Amino acid sequence: MADKRRMSLSFSMSQPEQKAAWDRLSAIRPGRRMDAVCRMINGYMEQRELLESIRNILREELTGVSVSKNHTQPKEAGDVGADVLGFLRALQEGDEIT
């Protein structure tokens, strides 16, 4: 006997998110829907876990870092730094950028 679990879902067409999910699932060929649903659920959960890990790393790395606002004059329109000009010049000339 196979170890299977069954779940029944009903989608409300008056709820935009549920209708969108139904439309996506209905577009999948019968016989392929279970695999698609599993990929969607697992992919979503993996993405959330990855995002949470990245947030934790950033919080850890930024602990103790202070950011101060530098009140300098805003650059005038067309004011381009030397490093940007050097980069653009290297692109035009085909030089390697280091």
N, C-alpha and C. Protein backbone atom coordinates (compact mmCIF):
# COMPACT_ATOMS: atom_id res chain seq x y z
N MET A 1 0.84 -1.18 0.00
CA MET A 1 0.00 0.00 0.00
C MET A 1 0.89 1.25 0.00
N ALA A 2 0.61 2.17 -0.88
CA ALA A 2 1.39 3.41 -0.99
C ALA A 2 1.04 4.34 0.16
N ASP A 3 2.06 5.04 0.61
CA ASP A 3 1.87 6.01 1.69
C ASP A 3 1.50 7.35 1.06
N LYS A 4 0.22 7.64 0.96
CA LYS A 4 -0.25 8.86 0.33
C LYS A 4 -1.11 9.65 1.29
N ARG A 5 -1.14 10.94 1.08
CA ARG A 5 -2.01 11.84 1.83
C ARG A 5 -2.83 12.62 0.82
N ARG A 6 -4.06 12.92 1.16
CA ARG A 6 -4.95 13.64 0.25
C ARG A 6 -5.38 14.95 0.90
N MET A 7 -5.48 15.98 0.07
CA MET A 7 -5.94 17.29 0.53
C MET A 7 -6.89 17.83 -0.52
N SER A 8 -7.98 18.38 -0.06
CA SER A 8 -8.95 18.96 -0.97
C SER A 8 -8.94 20.47 -0.79
N LEU A 9 -8.94 21.21 -1.89
CA LEU A 9 -8.94 22.66 -1.85
C LEU A 9 -10.12 23.18 -2.64
N SER A 10 -10.70 24.28 -2.20
CA SER A 10 -11.70 24.97 -3.01
C SER A 10 -11.28 26.42 -3.14
N PHE A 11 -11.42 26.94 -4.33
CA PHE A 11 -10.97 28.29 -4.65
C PHE A 11 -12.19 29.18 -4.86
N SER A 12 -12.17 30.34 -4.23
CA SER A 12 -13.24 31.31 -4.40
C SER A 12 -12.88 32.24 -5.55
N MET A 13 -13.71 32.25 -6.58
CA MET A 13 -13.45 33.09 -7.74
C MET A 13 -13.69 34.57 -7.45
N SER A 14 -14.28 34.88 -6.29
CA SER A 14 -14.47 36.28 -5.92
C SER A 14 -13.26 36.84 -5.17
N GLN A 15 -12.30 35.98 -4.82
CA GLN A 15 -11.05 36.40 -4.18
C GLN A 15 -9.95 36.44 -5.24
N PRO A 16 -9.43 37.63 -5.55
CA PRO A 16 -8.45 37.74 -6.65
C PRO A 16 -7.25 36.80 -6.53
N GLU A 17 -6.70 36.65 -5.34
CA GLU A 17 -5.53 35.78 -5.19
C GLU A 17 -5.90 34.32 -5.44
N GLN A 18 -7.04 33.90 -4.95
CA GLN A 18 -7.47 32.52 -5.16
C GLN A 18 -7.82 32.27 -6.62
N LYS A 19 -8.44 33.25 -7.26
CA LYS A 19 -8.78 33.11 -8.68
C LYS A 19 -7.50 33.01 -9.51
N ALA A 20 -6.51 33.84 -9.19
CA ALA A 20 -5.24 33.79 -9.92
C ALA A 20 -4.57 32.42 -9.75
N ALA A 21 -4.60 31.90 -8.53
CA ALA A 21 -4.02 30.57 -8.28
C ALA A 21 -4.78 29.50 -9.07
N TRP A 22 -6.10 29.59 -9.08
CA TRP A 22 -6.91 28.63 -9.84
C TRP A 22 -6.58 28.70 -11.33
N ASP A 23 -6.48 29.92 -11.85
CA ASP A 23 -6.15 30.09 -13.27
C ASP A 23 -4.80 29.47 -13.60
N ARG A 24 -3.82 29.68 -12.73
CA ARG A 24 -2.49 29.10 -12.97
C ARG A 24 -2.54 27.58 -12.93
N LEU A 25 -3.22 27.05 -11.92
CA LEU A 25 -3.30 25.58 -11.80
C LEU A 25 -4.09 24.96 -12.94
N SER A 26 -5.15 25.62 -13.36
CA SER A 26 -5.98 25.09 -14.45
C SER A 26 -5.22 25.06 -15.77
N ALA A 27 -4.24 25.94 -15.91
CA ALA A 27 -3.47 26.00 -17.15
C ALA A 27 -2.46 24.85 -17.25
N ILE A 28 -2.20 24.19 -16.14
CA ILE A 28 -1.25 23.07 -16.14
C ILE A 28 -1.97 21.81 -16.59
N ARG A 29 -1.32 21.06 -17.43
CA ARG A 29 -1.91 19.85 -17.98
C ARG A 29 -2.23 18.86 -16.87
N PRO A 30 -3.44 18.28 -16.88
CA PRO A 30 -3.77 17.25 -15.89
C PRO A 30 -2.72 16.13 -15.92
N GLY A 31 -2.40 15.64 -14.76
CA GLY A 31 -1.36 14.63 -14.65
C GLY A 31 -0.01 15.25 -14.29
N ARG A 32 0.12 16.57 -14.47
CA ARG A 32 1.35 17.28 -14.16
C ARG A 32 1.15 18.27 -13.00
N ARG A 33 -0.09 18.39 -12.56
CA ARG A 33 -0.42 19.40 -11.57
C ARG A 33 0.22 19.13 -10.21
N MET A 34 0.25 17.88 -9.78
CA MET A 34 0.82 17.57 -8.46
C MET A 34 2.29 17.97 -8.41
N ASP A 35 3.04 17.63 -9.45
CA ASP A 35 4.46 18.02 -9.49
C ASP A 35 4.60 19.54 -9.48
N ALA A 36 3.74 20.22 -10.25
CA ALA A 36 3.81 21.68 -10.32
C ALA A 36 3.50 22.30 -8.97
N VAL A 37 2.48 21.82 -8.29
CA VAL A 37 2.11 22.35 -6.98
C VAL A 37 3.25 22.12 -5.99
N CYS A 38 3.85 20.96 -6.01
CA CYS A 38 4.97 20.67 -5.10
C CYS A 38 6.15 21.59 -5.38
N ARG A 39 6.47 21.80 -6.66
CA ARG A 39 7.56 22.71 -7.01
C ARG A 39 7.26 24.13 -6.54
N MET A 40 6.02 24.56 -6.72
CA MET A 40 5.63 25.91 -6.30
C MET A 40 5.76 26.08 -4.78
N ILE A 41 5.22 25.15 -4.05
CA ILE A 41 5.26 25.24 -2.58
C ILE A 41 6.70 25.18 -2.08
N ASN A 42 7.45 24.19 -2.55
CA ASN A 42 8.83 24.04 -2.09
C ASN A 42 9.70 25.21 -2.52
N GLY A 43 9.51 25.70 -3.73
CA GLY A 43 10.27 26.86 -4.20
C GLY A 43 9.96 28.09 -3.38
N TYR A 44 8.70 28.29 -3.07
CA TYR A 44 8.30 29.44 -2.25
C TYR A 44 8.93 29.36 -0.86
N MET A 45 8.87 28.20 -0.25
CA MET A 45 9.43 28.05 1.10
C MET A 45 10.95 28.21 1.09
N GLU A 46 11.62 27.66 0.09
CA GLU A 46 13.07 27.82 -0.02
C GLU A 46 13.45 29.28 -0.21
N GLN A 47 12.66 30.00 -1.01
CA GLN A 47 12.92 31.42 -1.23
C GLN A 47 12.75 32.20 0.07
N ARG A 48 11.72 31.89 0.83
CA ARG A 48 11.51 32.58 2.12
C ARG A 48 12.65 32.28 3.09
N GLU A 49 13.09 31.02 3.14
CA GLU A 49 14.19 30.64 4.02
C GLU A 49 15.48 31.36 3.61
N LEU A 50 15.75 31.43 2.31
CA LEU A 50 16.94 32.12 1.82
C LEU A 50 16.88 33.60 2.16
N LEU A 51 15.73 34.21 1.94
CA LEU A 51 15.56 35.63 2.25
C LEU A 51 15.77 35.89 3.74
N GLU A 52 15.24 35.03 4.58
CA GLU A 52 15.41 35.18 6.02
C GLU A 52 16.88 35.01 6.41
N SER A 53 17.58 34.08 5.79
CA SER A 53 19.01 33.90 6.05
C SER A 53 19.79 35.14 5.66
N ILE A 54 19.48 35.69 4.50
CA ILE A 54 20.17 36.90 4.05
C ILE A 54 19.91 38.05 5.01
N ARG A 55 18.67 38.19 5.44
CA ARG A 55 18.34 39.26 6.40
C ARG A 55 19.14 39.08 7.69
N ASN A 56 19.21 37.85 8.18
CA ASN A 56 19.96 37.59 9.42
C ASN A 56 21.44 37.91 9.25
N ILE A 57 22.01 37.53 8.13
CA ILE A 57 23.42 37.83 7.86
C ILE A 57 23.65 39.33 7.83
N LEU A 58 22.77 40.05 7.13
CA LEU A 58 22.91 41.50 7.06
C LEU A 58 22.78 42.14 8.44
N ARG A 59 21.81 41.68 9.22
CA ARG A 59 21.67 42.23 10.57
C ARG A 59 22.94 41.99 11.39
N GLU A 60 23.47 40.78 11.29
CA GLU A 60 24.68 40.42 12.04
C GLU A 60 25.86 41.27 11.59
N GLU A 61 26.03 41.43 10.28
CA GLU A 61 27.15 42.18 9.75
C GLU A 61 27.03 43.68 10.05
N LEU A 62 25.82 44.18 10.12
CA LEU A 62 25.62 45.60 10.35
C LEU A 62 25.52 45.97 11.82
N THR A 63 25.61 44.97 12.70
CA THR A 63 25.58 45.26 14.12
C THR A 63 26.78 46.12 14.48
N GLY A 64 26.54 47.21 15.14
CA GLY A 64 27.63 48.10 15.55
C GLY A 64 28.05 49.09 14.50
N VAL A 65 27.49 49.01 13.31
CA VAL A 65 27.83 49.96 12.26
C VAL A 65 26.93 51.18 12.44
N SER A 66 27.55 52.35 12.45
CA SER A 66 26.73 53.55 12.54
C SER A 66 26.78 54.28 11.22
N VAL A 67 25.68 54.80 10.85
CA VAL A 67 25.57 55.52 9.60
C VAL A 67 25.21 56.96 9.94
N SER A 68 26.02 57.87 9.44
CA SER A 68 25.72 59.28 9.69
C SER A 68 25.38 59.95 8.37
N LYS A 69 24.50 60.90 8.46
CA LYS A 69 24.13 61.63 7.26
C LYS A 69 25.18 62.70 7.00
N ASN A 70 25.67 62.73 5.80
CA ASN A 70 26.66 63.71 5.40
C ASN A 70 25.93 64.83 4.68
N HIS A 71 25.93 65.99 5.28
CA HIS A 71 25.20 67.12 4.71
C HIS A 71 26.12 67.90 3.77
N THR A 72 26.24 67.38 2.55
CA THR A 72 27.06 68.07 1.55
C THR A 72 26.14 68.66 0.51
N GLN A 73 26.70 69.54 -0.25
CA GLN A 73 25.94 70.16 -1.32
C GLN A 73 25.59 69.10 -2.36
N PRO A 74 24.36 69.12 -2.85
CA PRO A 74 24.02 68.18 -3.93
C PRO A 74 24.80 68.53 -5.18
N LYS A 75 25.16 67.50 -5.92
CA LYS A 75 25.91 67.72 -7.15
C LYS A 75 25.02 68.38 -8.19
N GLU A 76 25.65 69.21 -8.97
CA GLU A 76 24.93 69.88 -10.04
C GLU A 76 24.63 68.87 -11.15
N ALA A 77 23.58 69.13 -11.88
CA ALA A 77 23.25 68.27 -13.02
C ALA A 77 24.41 68.28 -13.98
N GLY A 78 24.83 67.12 -14.43
CA GLY A 78 25.93 67.02 -15.36
C GLY A 78 27.28 66.89 -14.68
N ASP A 79 27.33 67.00 -13.33
CA ASP A 79 28.58 66.86 -12.59
C ASP A 79 28.89 65.37 -12.45
N VAL A 80 29.93 64.92 -13.12
CA VAL A 80 30.29 63.50 -13.14
C VAL A 80 31.67 63.35 -12.55
N GLY A 81 31.82 62.38 -11.64
CA GLY A 81 33.10 62.14 -11.00
C GLY A 81 34.14 61.60 -11.96
N ALA A 82 35.42 61.77 -11.59
CA ALA A 82 36.54 61.33 -12.43
C ALA A 82 36.52 59.82 -12.62
N ASP A 83 36.12 59.08 -11.58
CA ASP A 83 36.10 57.62 -11.70
C ASP A 83 35.07 57.17 -12.74
N VAL A 84 33.94 57.85 -12.80
CA VAL A 84 32.92 57.51 -13.79
C VAL A 84 33.42 57.83 -15.19
N LEU A 85 34.05 58.98 -15.33
CA LEU A 85 34.60 59.35 -16.64
C LEU A 85 35.68 58.37 -17.09
N GLY A 86 36.52 57.93 -16.15
CA GLY A 86 37.55 56.96 -16.48
C GLY A 86 36.95 55.64 -16.92
N PHE A 87 35.91 55.23 -16.25
CA PHE A 87 35.21 53.99 -16.60
C PHE A 87 34.64 54.09 -18.01
N LEU A 88 33.96 55.19 -18.28
CA LEU A 88 33.36 55.37 -19.61
C LEU A 88 34.42 55.45 -20.69
N ARG A 89 35.53 56.14 -20.40
CA ARG A 89 36.62 56.24 -21.36
C ARG A 89 37.19 54.85 -21.67
N ALA A 90 37.37 54.04 -20.63
CA ALA A 90 37.90 52.69 -20.82
C ALA A 90 36.93 51.85 -21.66
N LEU A 91 35.64 52.02 -21.46
CA LEU A 91 34.68 51.28 -22.26
C LEU A 91 34.77 51.67 -23.74
N GLN A 92 34.88 52.96 -23.99
CA GLN A 92 34.97 53.45 -25.36
C GLN A 92 36.24 52.96 -26.04
N GLU A 93 37.34 52.94 -25.30
CA GLU A 93 38.61 52.56 -25.89
C GLU A 93 38.83 51.06 -25.89
N GLY A 94 37.98 50.33 -25.18
CA GLY A 94 38.11 48.88 -25.14
C GLY A 94 39.18 48.41 -24.19
N ASP A 95 39.65 49.29 -23.29
CA ASP A 95 40.67 48.90 -22.32
C ASP A 95 40.04 48.03 -21.25
N GLU A 96 40.90 47.25 -20.60
CA GLU A 96 40.44 46.46 -19.46
C GLU A 96 40.23 47.39 -18.29
N ILE A 97 39.18 47.13 -17.57
CA ILE A 97 38.86 47.94 -16.39
C ILE A 97 39.34 47.19 -15.16
N THR A 98 40.12 47.86 -14.34
CA THR A 98 40.63 47.22 -13.12
C THR A 98 40.07 47.89 -11.91
